[in-house]
């Protein structure tokens, strides 16, 4: 059913979308800083840092192995991409030493927080709406 979508170019795009999680909060903070919105910047840094701590506590309380390790036997076709997918996978495997960190999903949490912060501060703007498309593509489907 989903196997029709498993093509190298799409796997590359989804790998880059997954990788964007690491840059979305940084881009959000950078934009606030460059626009001189110091009150929103301080609040956002606090909320995002707090979110990371909550996520790390969740990893300790609920250690779980992600589906790419625990459910490999259920996959009928490997996700093969180009050098882009290989680079993303190999880099993350080398940098992420703890493989028991899927519950709660830090990716989902942080992306949703970045999307929610402008709404909470009543500062929804073009930046927020443009981040929405990138951020929603980085949300894991599992």
C-alpha atoms as a PDB file:
ATOM      1  CA  UNK A   1       0.000   0.000   0.000  1.00  0.00           C
ATOM      2  CA  UNK A   2       2.563   2.627   1.096  1.00  0.00           C
ATOM      3  CA  UNK A   3       5.319   0.878  -0.799  1.00  0.00           C
ATOM      4  CA  UNK A   4       4.522   2.855  -3.946  1.00  0.00           C
ATOM      5  CA  UNK A   5       5.907   5.943  -2.197  1.00  0.00           C
ATOM      6  CA  UNK A   6       9.222   4.329  -1.344  1.00  0.00           C
ATOM      7  CA  UNK A   7      11.418   5.850  -4.028  1.00  0.00           C
ATOM      8  CA  UNK A   8      14.911   7.268  -3.481  1.00  0.00           C
ATOM      9  CA  UNK A   9      14.111  10.927  -4.204  1.00  0.00           C
ATOM     10  CA  UNK A  10      11.137  10.939  -1.797  1.00  0.00           C
ATOM     11  CA  UNK A  11      13.201   9.191   0.879  1.00  0.00           C
ATOM     12  CA  UNK A  12      15.805  11.952   0.480  1.00  0.00           C
ATOM     13  CA  UNK A  13      13.168  14.670   0.885  1.00  0.00           C
ATOM     14  CA  UNK A  14      11.732  13.026   3.992  1.00  0.00           C
ATOM     15  CA  UNK A  15      15.219  12.560   5.462  1.00  0.00           C
ATOM     16  CA  UNK A  16      15.884  16.281   5.043  1.00  0.00           C
ATOM     17  CA  UNK A  17      12.493  17.091   6.573  1.00  0.00           C
ATOM     18  CA  UNK A  18      13.347  14.903   9.565  1.00  0.00           C
ATOM     19  CA  UNK A  19      16.695  16.654   9.891  1.00  0.00           C
ATOM     20  CA  UNK A  20      14.991  20.059   9.865  1.00  0.00           C
ATOM     21  CA  UNK A  21      13.835  19.415  13.438  1.00  0.00           C
ATOM     22  CA  UNK A  22      17.300  20.378  14.640  1.00  0.00           C
ATOM     23  CA  UNK A  23      17.201  23.726  12.862  1.00  0.00           C
ATOM     24  CA  UNK A  24      13.591  24.867  13.287  1.00  0.00           C
ATOM     25  CA  UNK A  25      13.949  26.036  16.927  1.00  0.00           C
ATOM     26  CA  UNK A  26      17.294  27.690  16.129  1.00  0.00           C
ATOM     27  CA  UNK A  27      15.807  29.494  13.123  1.00  0.00           C
ATOM     28  CA  UNK A  28      12.861  30.657  15.218  1.00  0.00           C
ATOM     29  CA  UNK A  29      15.139  32.041  17.948  1.00  0.00           C
ATOM     30  CA  UNK A  30      17.429  33.662  15.358  1.00  0.00           C
ATOM     31  CA  UNK A  31      14.515  35.453  13.692  1.00  0.00           C
ATOM     32  CA  UNK A  32      13.277  36.779  17.028  1.00  0.00           C
ATOM     33  CA  UNK A  33      16.786  37.995  17.866  1.00  0.00           C
ATOM     34  CA  UNK A  34      17.354  39.618  14.477  1.00  0.00           C
ATOM     35  CA  UNK A  35      14.002  41.398  14.680  1.00  0.00           C
ATOM     36  CA  UNK A  36      14.874  42.718  18.136  1.00  0.00           C
ATOM     37  CA  UNK A  37      11.930  41.070  19.855  1.00  0.00           C
ATOM     38  CA  UNK A  38      13.735  40.523  23.141  1.00  0.00           C
ATOM     39  CA  UNK A  39      10.678  39.852  25.320  1.00  0.00           C
ATOM     40  CA  UNK A  40       9.465  37.145  22.930  1.00  0.00           C
ATOM     41  CA  UNK A  41      13.032  35.848  22.577  1.00  0.00           C
ATOM     42  CA  UNK A  42      13.483  35.391  26.331  1.00  0.00           C
ATOM     43  CA  UNK A  43      10.087  33.741  26.715  1.00  0.00           C
ATOM     44  CA  UNK A  44      10.715  31.444  23.742  1.00  0.00           C
ATOM     45  CA  UNK A  45      14.147  30.371  24.974  1.00  0.00           C
ATOM     46  CA  UNK A  46      12.674  29.559  28.373  1.00  0.00           C
ATOM     47  CA  UNK A  47       9.736  27.595  26.910  1.00  0.00           C
ATOM     48  CA  UNK A  48      11.932  25.659  24.461  1.00  0.00           C
ATOM     49  CA  UNK A  49      14.535  24.838  27.128  1.00  0.00           C
ATOM     50  CA  UNK A  50      11.756  23.714  29.454  1.00  0.00           C
ATOM     51  CA  UNK A  51      10.375  21.574  26.628  1.00  0.00           C
ATOM     52  CA  UNK A  52      13.746  19.907  26.114  1.00  0.00           C
ATOM     53  CA  UNK A  53      13.971  19.111  29.834  1.00  0.00           C
ATOM     54  CA  UNK A  54      10.474  17.603  29.815  1.00  0.00           C
ATOM     55  CA  UNK A  55      11.408  15.538  26.773  1.00  0.00           C
ATOM     56  CA  UNK A  56      14.620  14.268  28.405  1.00  0.00           C
ATOM     57  CA  UNK A  57      12.736  13.349  31.577  1.00  0.00           C
ATOM     58  CA  UNK A  58      10.271  11.446  29.402  1.00  0.00           C
ATOM     59  CA  UNK A  59      13.138   9.537  27.802  1.00  0.00           C
ATOM     60  CA  UNK A  60      14.353   8.495  31.247  1.00  0.00           C
ATOM     61  CA  UNK A  61      10.902   7.529  32.533  1.00  0.00           C
ATOM     62  CA  UNK A  62       9.724   5.797  29.346  1.00  0.00           C
ATOM     63  CA  UNK A  63      12.726   4.305  27.535  1.00  0.00           C
ATOM     64  CA  UNK A  64      11.668   2.845  24.214  1.00  0.00           C
ATOM     65  CA  UNK A  65      13.374   1.810  21.021  1.00  0.00           C
ATOM     66  CA  UNK A  66      12.063   3.394  17.839  1.00  0.00           C
ATOM     67  CA  UNK A  67      10.359   1.489  15.034  1.00  0.00           C
ATOM     68  CA  UNK A  68      13.397   1.560  12.759  1.00  0.00           C
ATOM     69  CA  UNK A  69      15.076  -0.787  15.273  1.00  0.00           C
ATOM     70  CA  UNK A  70      12.206  -2.667  16.915  1.00  0.00           C
ATOM     71  CA  UNK A  71      10.029  -3.284  13.859  1.00  0.00           C
ATOM     72  CA  UNK A  72      12.581  -3.880  11.125  1.00  0.00           C
ATOM     73  CA  UNK A  73      11.173  -7.347  10.485  1.00  0.00           C
ATOM     74  CA  UNK A  74       7.832  -5.782   9.470  1.00  0.00           C
ATOM     75  CA  UNK A  75       9.290  -3.683   6.659  1.00  0.00           C
ATOM     76  CA  UNK A  76       9.012  -5.278   3.235  1.00  0.00           C
ATOM     77  CA  UNK A  77      11.094  -2.685   1.364  1.00  0.00           C
ATOM     78  CA  UNK A  78      14.132  -0.866   2.763  1.00  0.00           C
ATOM     79  CA  UNK A  79      14.137   2.933   2.691  1.00  0.00           C
ATOM     80  CA  UNK A  80      16.859   3.535   0.194  1.00  0.00           C
ATOM     81  CA  UNK A  81      17.798   7.021  -0.891  1.00  0.00           C
ATOM     82  CA  UNK A  82      20.838   8.665  -2.343  1.00  0.00           C
ATOM     83  CA  UNK A  83      23.919   9.895  -0.515  1.00  0.00           C
ATOM     84  CA  UNK A  84      21.629  12.459   1.177  1.00  0.00           C
ATOM     85  CA  UNK A  85      19.665   9.811   3.067  1.00  0.00           C
ATOM     86  CA  UNK A  86      22.862   7.942   3.887  1.00  0.00           C
ATOM     87  CA  UNK A  87      24.484  11.126   5.203  1.00  0.00           C
ATOM     88  CA  UNK A  88      21.496  12.038   7.390  1.00  0.00           C
ATOM     89  CA  UNK A  89      21.136   8.499   8.776  1.00  0.00           C
ATOM     90  CA  UNK A  90      24.858   7.991   9.396  1.00  0.00           C
ATOM     91  CA  UNK A  91      25.334  11.428  10.960  1.00  0.00           C
ATOM     92  CA  UNK A  92      22.390  11.027  13.323  1.00  0.00           C
ATOM     93  CA  UNK A  93      23.464   7.505  14.261  1.00  0.00           C
ATOM     94  CA  UNK A  94      26.942   8.808  15.085  1.00  0.00           C
ATOM     95  CA  UNK A  95      25.679  11.791  17.099  1.00  0.00           C
ATOM     96  CA  UNK A  96      22.752  10.186  18.918  1.00  0.00           C
ATOM     97  CA  UNK A  97      24.326   7.723  21.316  1.00  0.00           C
ATOM     98  CA  UNK A  98      21.085   6.933  23.141  1.00  0.00           C
ATOM     99  CA  UNK A  99      18.798   4.851  20.923  1.00  0.00           C
ATOM    100  CA  UNK A 100      16.076   4.631  23.605  1.00  0.00           C
ATOM    101  CA  UNK A 101      14.611   8.061  23.137  1.00  0.00           C
ATOM    102  CA  UNK A 102      11.343   7.875  21.268  1.00  0.00           C
ATOM    103  CA  UNK A 103       8.772   8.451  23.999  1.00  0.00           C
ATOM    104  CA  UNK A 104       7.760  11.231  24.134  1.00  0.00           C
ATOM    105  CA  UNK A 105       8.808  12.338  20.689  1.00  0.00           C
ATOM    106  CA  UNK A 106      11.150  15.290  21.096  1.00  0.00           C
ATOM    107  CA  UNK A 107      10.831  15.992  17.381  1.00  0.00           C
ATOM    108  CA  UNK A 108       7.088  16.367  17.549  1.00  0.00           C
ATOM    109  CA  UNK A 109       7.152  18.251  20.826  1.00  0.00           C
ATOM    110  CA  UNK A 110       9.714  20.864  19.802  1.00  0.00           C
ATOM    111  CA  UNK A 111       8.227  21.478  16.362  1.00  0.00           C
ATOM    112  CA  UNK A 112       4.758  21.918  17.840  1.00  0.00           C
ATOM    113  CA  UNK A 113       6.156  24.267  20.481  1.00  0.00           C
ATOM    114  CA  UNK A 114       7.800  26.427  17.822  1.00  0.00           C
ATOM    115  CA  UNK A 115       4.526  26.526  15.937  1.00  0.00           C
ATOM    116  CA  UNK A 116       2.508  27.276  19.066  1.00  0.00           C
ATOM    117  CA  UNK A 117       4.735  29.995  20.548  1.00  0.00           C
ATOM    118  CA  UNK A 118       3.841  32.735  18.042  1.00  0.00           C
ATOM    119  CA  UNK A 119       0.160  31.956  18.466  1.00  0.00           C
ATOM    120  CA  UNK A 120       0.480  32.045  22.256  1.00  0.00           C
ATOM    121  CA  UNK A 121       2.283  35.390  22.061  1.00  0.00           C
ATOM    122  CA  UNK A 122      -0.284  36.667  19.545  1.00  0.00           C
ATOM    123  CA  UNK A 123       2.536  37.256  17.077  1.00  0.00           C
ATOM    124  CA  UNK A 124       1.434  34.905  14.312  1.00  0.00           C
ATOM    125  CA  UNK A 125       3.191  36.131  11.208  1.00  0.00           C
ATOM    126  CA  UNK A 126       4.453  35.132   7.804  1.00  0.00           C
ATOM    127  CA  UNK A 127       7.436  33.480   9.500  1.00  0.00           C
ATOM    128  CA  UNK A 128       5.126  31.296  11.568  1.00  0.00           C
ATOM    129  CA  UNK A 129       3.038  30.258   8.603  1.00  0.00           C
ATOM    130  CA  UNK A 130       6.081  29.517   6.453  1.00  0.00           C
ATOM    131  CA  UNK A 131       7.615  27.428   9.233  1.00  0.00           C
ATOM    132  CA  UNK A 132       4.353  25.513   9.410  1.00  0.00           C
ATOM    133  CA  UNK A 133       4.952  23.769   6.099  1.00  0.00           C
ATOM    134  CA  UNK A 134       8.539  22.819   6.931  1.00  0.00           C
ATOM    135  CA  UNK A 135       7.759  21.853  10.500  1.00  0.00           C
ATOM    136  CA  UNK A 136       4.745  19.724   9.674  1.00  0.00           C
ATOM    137  CA  UNK A 137       6.833  17.701   7.247  1.00  0.00           C
ATOM    138  CA  UNK A 138       9.320  16.927  10.015  1.00  0.00           C
ATOM    139  CA  UNK A 139       6.690  15.436  12.312  1.00  0.00           C
ATOM    140  CA  UNK A 140       7.220  11.685  12.500  1.00  0.00           C
ATOM    141  CA  UNK A 141       4.462   9.538  11.097  1.00  0.00           C
ATOM    142  CA  UNK A 142       5.027   6.685  13.567  1.00  0.00           C
END
